[in-house]
Amino acid sequence: MVEEKTVLVLDEYEIGAIIRILNDRRTEMLKQQKDPEVVTEILKKVLKAPTKKQRFYKKGKNTNYER
């Protein structure tokens, strides 16, 4: 069986927000004495996610750019 994966394209601000949200949720779970394993694993994936530079190409003669 093939597992589907989802790829998100996020900027630095969005990644920072996701890391903060996950870390806050993990902290809440620890305070409530719940197992934060799932949140911790997701947080690790976000922190280890590779980066890729976006290239923009000229679209015709005008100055509009297209990805």
PDB file of N, CA and C in Angstrom:
ATOM      1  N   MET A   1       0.843  -1.178   0.000  1.00  0.00           N
ATOM      2  CA  MET A   1       0.000   0.000   0.000  1.00  0.00           C
ATOM      3  C   MET A   1       0.891   1.245   0.000  1.00  0.00           C
ATOM      4  N   VAL A   2       0.581   2.189  -0.873  1.00  0.00           N
ATOM      5  CA  VAL A   2       1.358   3.416  -0.996  1.00  0.00           C
ATOM      6  C   VAL A   2       0.753   4.492  -0.102  1.00  0.00           C
ATOM      7  N   GLU A   3       1.614   5.111   0.692  1.00  0.00           N
ATOM      8  CA  GLU A   3       1.170   6.179   1.573  1.00  0.00           C
ATOM      9  C   GLU A   3       1.207   7.497   0.828  1.00  0.00           C
ATOM     10  N   GLU A   4       0.140   8.275   0.923  1.00  0.00           N
ATOM     11  CA  GLU A   4       0.127   9.600   0.305  1.00  0.00           C
ATOM     12  C   GLU A   4       0.827  10.581   1.221  1.00  0.00           C
ATOM     13  N   LYS A   5       1.545  11.521   0.614  1.00  0.00           N
ATOM     14  CA  LYS A   5       2.213  12.580   1.371  1.00  0.00           C
ATOM     15  C   LYS A   5       1.739  13.915   0.842  1.00  0.00           C
ATOM     16  N   THR A   6       1.696  14.891   1.719  1.00  0.00           N
ATOM     17  CA  THR A   6       1.297  16.240   1.337  1.00  0.00           C
ATOM     18  C   THR A   6       2.498  17.158   1.485  1.00  0.00           C
ATOM     19  N   VAL A   7       2.728  17.992   0.488  1.00  0.00           N
ATOM     20  CA  VAL A   7       3.829  18.943   0.516  1.00  0.00           C
ATOM     21  C   VAL A   7       3.246  20.346   0.644  1.00  0.00           C
ATOM     22  N   LEU A   8       3.739  21.086   1.630  1.00  0.00           N
ATOM     23  CA  LEU A   8       3.301  22.455   1.836  1.00  0.00           C
ATOM     24  C   LEU A   8       4.422  23.401   1.450  1.00  0.00           C
ATOM     25  N   VAL A   9       4.069  24.510   0.816  1.00  0.00           N
ATOM     26  CA  VAL A   9       5.046  25.538   0.493  1.00  0.00           C
ATOM     27  C   VAL A   9       4.787  26.694   1.455  1.00  0.00           C
ATOM     28  N   LEU A  10       5.747  26.920   2.350  1.00  0.00           N
ATOM     29  CA  LEU A  10       5.585  27.921   3.397  1.00  0.00           C
ATOM     30  C   LEU A  10       6.787  28.855   3.430  1.00  0.00           C
ATOM     31  N   ASP A  11       6.561  30.107   3.815  1.00  0.00           N
ATOM     32  CA  ASP A  11       7.687  31.015   3.992  1.00  0.00           C
ATOM     33  C   ASP A  11       8.197  30.922   5.430  1.00  0.00           C
ATOM     34  N   GLU A  12       9.257  31.655   5.744  1.00  0.00           N
ATOM     35  CA  GLU A  12       9.876  31.571   7.068  1.00  0.00           C
ATOM     36  C   GLU A  12       8.902  31.939   8.179  1.00  0.00           C
ATOM     37  N   TYR A  13       8.072  32.954   7.951  1.00  0.00           N
ATOM     38  CA  TYR A  13       7.109  33.392   8.959  1.00  0.00           C
ATOM     39  C   TYR A  13       6.104  32.282   9.267  1.00  0.00           C
ATOM     40  N   GLU A  14       5.592  31.637   8.226  1.00  0.00           N
ATOM     41  CA  GLU A  14       4.607  30.568   8.406  1.00  0.00           C
ATOM     42  C   GLU A  14       5.208  29.354   9.113  1.00  0.00           C
ATOM     43  N   ILE A  15       6.435  29.008   8.770  1.00  0.00           N
ATOM     44  CA  ILE A  15       7.095  27.887   9.440  1.00  0.00           C
ATOM     45  C   ILE A  15       7.311  28.206  10.914  1.00  0.00           C
ATOM     46  N   GLY A  16       7.723  29.438  11.191  1.00  0.00           N
ATOM     47  CA  GLY A  16       7.908  29.865  12.577  1.00  0.00           C
ATOM     48  C   GLY A  16       6.620  29.774  13.372  1.00  0.00           C
ATOM     49  N   ALA A  17       5.512  30.170  12.751  1.00  0.00           N
ATOM     50  CA  ALA A  17       4.207  30.114  13.419  1.00  0.00           C
ATOM     51  C   ALA A  17       3.814  28.660  13.705  1.00  0.00           C
ATOM     52  N   ILE A  18       4.034  27.773  12.757  1.00  0.00           N
ATOM     53  CA  ILE A  18       3.692  26.362  12.949  1.00  0.00           C
ATOM     54  C   ILE A  18       4.533  25.757  14.076  1.00  0.00           C
ATOM     55  N   ILE A  19       5.825  26.071  14.091  1.00  0.00           N
ATOM     56  CA  ILE A  19       6.700  25.556  15.148  1.00  0.00           C
ATOM     57  C   ILE A  19       6.232  26.052  16.513  1.00  0.00           C
ATOM     58  N   ARG A  20       5.894  27.333  16.608  1.00  0.00           N
ATOM     59  CA  ARG A  20       5.413  27.903  17.871  1.00  0.00           C
ATOM     60  C   ARG A  20       4.120  27.241  18.322  1.00  0.00           C
ATOM     61  N   ILE A  21       3.187  27.041  17.402  1.00  0.00           N
ATOM     62  CA  ILE A  21       1.899  26.427  17.723  1.00  0.00           C
ATOM     63  C   ILE A  21       2.096  24.987  18.198  1.00  0.00           C
ATOM     64  N   LEU A  22       2.912  24.221  17.482  1.00  0.00           N
ATOM     65  CA  LEU A  22       3.162  22.835  17.877  1.00  0.00           C
ATOM     66  C   LEU A  22       3.854  22.756  19.237  1.00  0.00           C
ATOM     67  N   ASN A  23       4.813  23.642  19.459  1.00  0.00           N
ATOM     68  CA  ASN A  23       5.525  23.634  20.731  1.00  0.00           C
ATOM     69  C   ASN A  23       4.587  24.010  21.884  1.00  0.00           C
ATOM     70  N   ASP A  24       3.716  24.990  21.656  1.00  0.00           N
ATOM     71  CA  ASP A  24       2.731  25.375  22.683  1.00  0.00           C
ATOM     72  C   ASP A  24       1.794  24.211  22.990  1.00  0.00           C
ATOM     73  N   ARG A  25       1.343  23.512  21.962  1.00  0.00           N
ATOM     74  CA  ARG A  25       0.446  22.361  22.156  1.00  0.00           C
ATOM     75  C   ARG A  25       1.155  21.246  22.918  1.00  0.00           C
ATOM     76  N   ARG A  26       2.413  21.022  22.576  1.00  0.00           N
ATOM     77  CA  ARG A  26       3.201  19.994  23.271  1.00  0.00           C
ATOM     78  C   ARG A  26       3.343  20.351  24.745  1.00  0.00           C
ATOM     79  N   THR A  27       3.616  21.615  25.041  1.00  0.00           N
ATOM     80  CA  THR A  27       3.752  22.074  26.423  1.00  0.00           C
ATOM     81  C   THR A  27       2.450  21.891  27.193  1.00  0.00           C
ATOM     82  N   GLU A  28       1.324  22.235  26.546  1.00  0.00           N
ATOM     83  CA  GLU A  28       0.009  22.042  27.187  1.00  0.00           C
ATOM     84  C   GLU A  28      -0.233  20.580  27.512  1.00  0.00           C
ATOM     85  N   MET A  29       0.113  19.698  26.579  1.00  0.00           N
ATOM     86  CA  MET A  29      -0.095  18.265  26.802  1.00  0.00           C
ATOM     87  C   MET A  29       0.763  17.752  27.957  1.00  0.00           C
ATOM     88  N   LEU A  30       1.998  18.247  28.050  1.00  0.00           N
ATOM     89  CA  LEU A  30       2.860  17.841  29.150  1.00  0.00           C
ATOM     90  C   LEU A  30       2.299  18.300  30.496  1.00  0.00           C
ATOM     91  N   LYS A  31       1.763  19.529  30.524  1.00  0.00           N
ATOM     92  CA  LYS A  31       1.161  20.042  31.755  1.00  0.00           C
ATOM     93  C   LYS A  31      -0.056  19.226  32.168  1.00  0.00           C
ATOM     94  N   GLN A  32      -0.803  18.736  31.184  1.00  0.00           N
ATOM     95  CA  GLN A  32      -2.005  17.932  31.447  1.00  0.00           C
ATOM     96  C   GLN A  32      -1.653  16.457  31.645  1.00  0.00           C
ATOM     97  N   GLN A  33      -0.386  16.154  31.651  1.00  0.00           N
ATOM     98  CA  GLN A  33       0.123  14.794  31.797  1.00  0.00           C
ATOM     99  C   GLN A  33      -0.421  13.843  30.725  1.00  0.00           C
ATOM    100  N   LYS A  34      -0.530  14.371  29.495  1.00  0.00           N
ATOM    101  CA  LYS A  34      -0.920  13.565  28.342  1.00  0.00           C
ATOM    102  C   LYS A  34       0.328  13.255  27.525  1.00  0.00           C
ATOM    103  N   ASP A  35       0.282  12.205  26.753  1.00  0.00           N
ATOM    104  CA  ASP A  35       1.414  11.794  25.938  1.00  0.00           C
ATOM    105  C   ASP A  35       1.536  12.693  24.701  1.00  0.00           C
ATOM    106  N   PRO A  36       2.615  13.482  24.592  1.00  0.00           N
ATOM    107  CA  PRO A  36       2.772  14.401  23.457  1.00  0.00           C
ATOM    108  C   PRO A  36       3.525  13.783  22.276  1.00  0.00           C
ATOM    109  N   GLU A  37       3.572  12.459  22.200  1.00  0.00           N
ATOM    110  CA  GLU A  37       4.385  11.785  21.190  1.00  0.00           C
ATOM    111  C   GLU A  37       4.039  12.207  19.762  1.00  0.00           C
ATOM    112  N   VAL A  38       2.765  12.249  19.438  1.00  0.00           N
ATOM    113  CA  VAL A  38       2.344  12.594  18.067  1.00  0.00           C
ATOM    114  C   VAL A  38       2.774  14.018  17.718  1.00  0.00           C
ATOM    115  N   VAL A  39       2.539  14.956  18.636  1.00  0.00           N
ATOM    116  CA  VAL A  39       2.904  16.350  18.389  1.00  0.00           C
ATOM    117  C   VAL A  39       4.423  16.485  18.280  1.00  0.00           C
ATOM    118  N   THR A  40       5.147  15.758  19.110  1.00  0.00           N
ATOM    119  CA  THR A  40       6.610  15.794  19.072  1.00  0.00           C
ATOM    120  C   THR A  40       7.131  15.286  17.735  1.00  0.00           C
ATOM    121  N   GLU A  41       6.550  14.219  17.213  1.00  0.00           N
ATOM    122  CA  GLU A  41       6.979  13.677  15.921  1.00  0.00           C
ATOM    123  C   GLU A  41       6.711  14.661  14.783  1.00  0.00           C
ATOM    124  N   ILE A  42       5.561  15.313  14.823  1.00  0.00           N
ATOM    125  CA  ILE A  42       5.250  16.310  13.789  1.00  0.00           C
ATOM    126  C   ILE A  42       6.208  17.484  13.888  1.00  0.00           C
ATOM    127  N   LEU A  43       6.495  17.920  15.105  1.00  0.00           N
ATOM    128  CA  LEU A  43       7.428  19.026  15.325  1.00  0.00           C
ATOM    129  C   LEU A  43       8.808  18.675  14.779  1.00  0.00           C
ATOM    130  N   LYS A  44       9.270  17.457  14.997  1.00  0.00           N
ATOM    131  CA  LYS A  44      10.555  17.012  14.459  1.00  0.00           C
ATOM    132  C   LYS A  44      10.565  17.064  12.939  1.00  0.00           C
ATOM    133  N   LYS A  45       9.463  16.636  12.307  1.00  0.00           N
ATOM    134  CA  LYS A  45       9.381  16.653  10.839  1.00  0.00           C
ATOM    135  C   LYS A  45       9.447  18.076  10.302  1.00  0.00           C
ATOM    136  N   VAL A  46       8.757  18.993  10.976  1.00  0.00           N
ATOM    137  CA  VAL A  46       8.771  20.390  10.535  1.00  0.00           C
ATOM    138  C   VAL A  46      10.173  20.972  10.678  1.00  0.00           C
ATOM    139  N   LEU A  47      10.834  20.674  11.793  1.00  0.00           N
ATOM    140  CA  LEU A  47      12.174  21.209  12.026  1.00  0.00           C
ATOM    141  C   LEU A  47      13.213  20.645  11.052  1.00  0.00           C
ATOM    142  N   LYS A  48      13.020  19.397  10.621  1.00  0.00           N
ATOM    143  CA  LYS A  48      13.974  18.752   9.716  1.00  0.00           C
ATOM    144  C   LYS A  48      13.599  18.897   8.239  1.00  0.00           C
ATOM    145  N   ALA A  49      12.502  19.550   7.944  1.00  0.00           N
ATOM    146  CA  ALA A  49      12.029  19.653   6.563  1.00  0.00           C
ATOM    147  C   ALA A  49      13.057  20.386   5.693  1.00  0.00           C
ATOM    148  N   PRO A  50      13.343  19.841   4.518  1.00  0.00           N
ATOM    149  CA  PRO A  50      14.311  20.493   3.630  1.00  0.00           C
ATOM    150  C   PRO A  50      13.733  21.777   3.035  1.00  0.00           C
ATOM    151  N   THR A  51      14.614  22.666   2.664  1.00  0.00           N
ATOM    152  CA  THR A  51      14.182  23.912   2.031  1.00  0.00           C
ATOM    153  C   THR A  51      14.535  23.859   0.553  1.00  0.00           C
ATOM    154  N   LYS A  52      13.801  24.617  -0.217  1.00  0.00           N
ATOM    155  CA  LYS A  52      14.040  24.664  -1.652  1.00  0.00           C
ATOM    156  C   LYS A  52      13.778  26.087  -2.106  1.00  0.00           C
ATOM    157  N   LYS A  53      14.712  26.653  -2.842  1.00  0.00           N
ATOM    158  CA  LYS A  53      14.544  28.019  -3.333  1.00  0.00           C
ATOM    159  C   LYS A  53      13.561  28.026  -4.494  1.00  0.00           C
ATOM    160  N   GLN A  54      12.718  29.042  -4.529  1.00  0.00           N
ATOM    161  CA  GLN A  54      11.759  29.204  -5.620  1.00  0.00           C
ATOM    162  C   GLN A  54      12.403  30.023  -6.723  1.00  0.00           C
ATOM    163  N   ARG A  55      12.148  29.646  -7.938  1.00  0.00           N
ATOM    164  CA  ARG A  55      12.624  30.418  -9.085  1.00  0.00           C
ATOM    165  C   ARG A  55      11.429  31.084  -9.740  1.00  0.00           C
ATOM    166  N   PHE A  56      11.636  32.309 -10.153  1.00  0.00           N
ATOM    167  CA  PHE A  56      10.592  33.047 -10.834  1.00  0.00           C
ATOM    168  C   PHE A  56      11.047  33.292 -12.267  1.00  0.00           C
ATOM    169  N   TYR A  57      10.148  33.058 -13.193  1.00  0.00           N
ATOM    170  CA  TYR A  57      10.450  33.194 -14.605  1.00  0.00           C
ATOM    171  C   TYR A  57       9.650  34.356 -15.180  1.00  0.00           C
ATOM    172  N   LYS A  58      10.264  35.052 -16.123  1.00  0.00           N
ATOM    173  CA  LYS A  58       9.559  36.160 -16.773  1.00  0.00           C
ATOM    174  C   LYS A  58       8.425  35.620 -17.624  1.00  0.00           C
ATOM    175  N   LYS A  59       7.301  36.312 -17.575  1.00  0.00           N
ATOM    176  CA  LYS A  59       6.127  35.920 -18.338  1.00  0.00           C
ATOM    177  C   LYS A  59       5.922  36.952 -19.441  1.00  0.00           C
ATOM    178  N   GLY A  60       6.371  36.652 -20.614  1.00  0.00           N
ATOM    179  CA  GLY A  60       6.194  37.553 -21.737  1.00  0.00           C
ATOM    180  C   GLY A  60       7.073  38.789 -21.642  1.00  0.00           C
ATOM    181  N   LYS A  61       6.629  39.883 -22.262  1.00  0.00           N
ATOM    182  CA  LYS A  61       7.418  41.114 -22.330  1.00  0.00           C
ATOM    183  C   LYS A  61       7.226  42.007 -21.111  1.00  0.00           C
ATOM    184  N   ASN A  62       6.094  41.883 -20.437  1.00  0.00           N
ATOM    185  CA  ASN A  62       5.857  42.760 -19.287  1.00  0.00           C
ATOM    186  C   ASN A  62       6.645  42.276 -18.072  1.00  0.00           C
ATOM    187  N   THR A  63       6.498  42.945 -16.946  1.00  0.00           N
ATOM    188  CA  THR A  63       7.284  42.624 -15.758  1.00  0.00           C
ATOM    189  C   THR A  63       6.573  41.671 -14.814  1.00  0.00           C
ATOM    190  N   ASN A  64       5.462  41.080 -15.235  1.00  0.00           N
ATOM    191  CA  ASN A  64       4.789  40.093 -14.384  1.00  0.00           C
ATOM    192  C   ASN A  64       5.610  38.814 -14.359  1.00  0.00           C
ATOM    193  N   TYR A  65       5.683  38.217 -13.206  1.00  0.00           N
ATOM    194  CA  TYR A  65       6.457  36.987 -13.058  1.00  0.00           C
ATOM    195  C   TYR A  65       5.521  35.832 -12.731  1.00  0.00           C
ATOM    196  N   GLU A  66       5.928  34.672 -13.147  1.00  0.00           N
ATOM    197  CA  GLU A  66       5.108  33.466 -12.946  1.00  0.00           C
ATOM    198  C   GLU A  66       5.992  32.387 -12.342  1.00  0.00           C
ATOM    199  N   ARG A  67       5.428  31.618 -11.441  1.00  0.00           N
ATOM    200  CA  ARG A  67       6.180  30.507 -10.867  1.00  0.00           C
ATOM    201  C   ARG A  67       6.103  29.318 -11.764  1.00  0.00           C
TER     202      ARG A  67
END
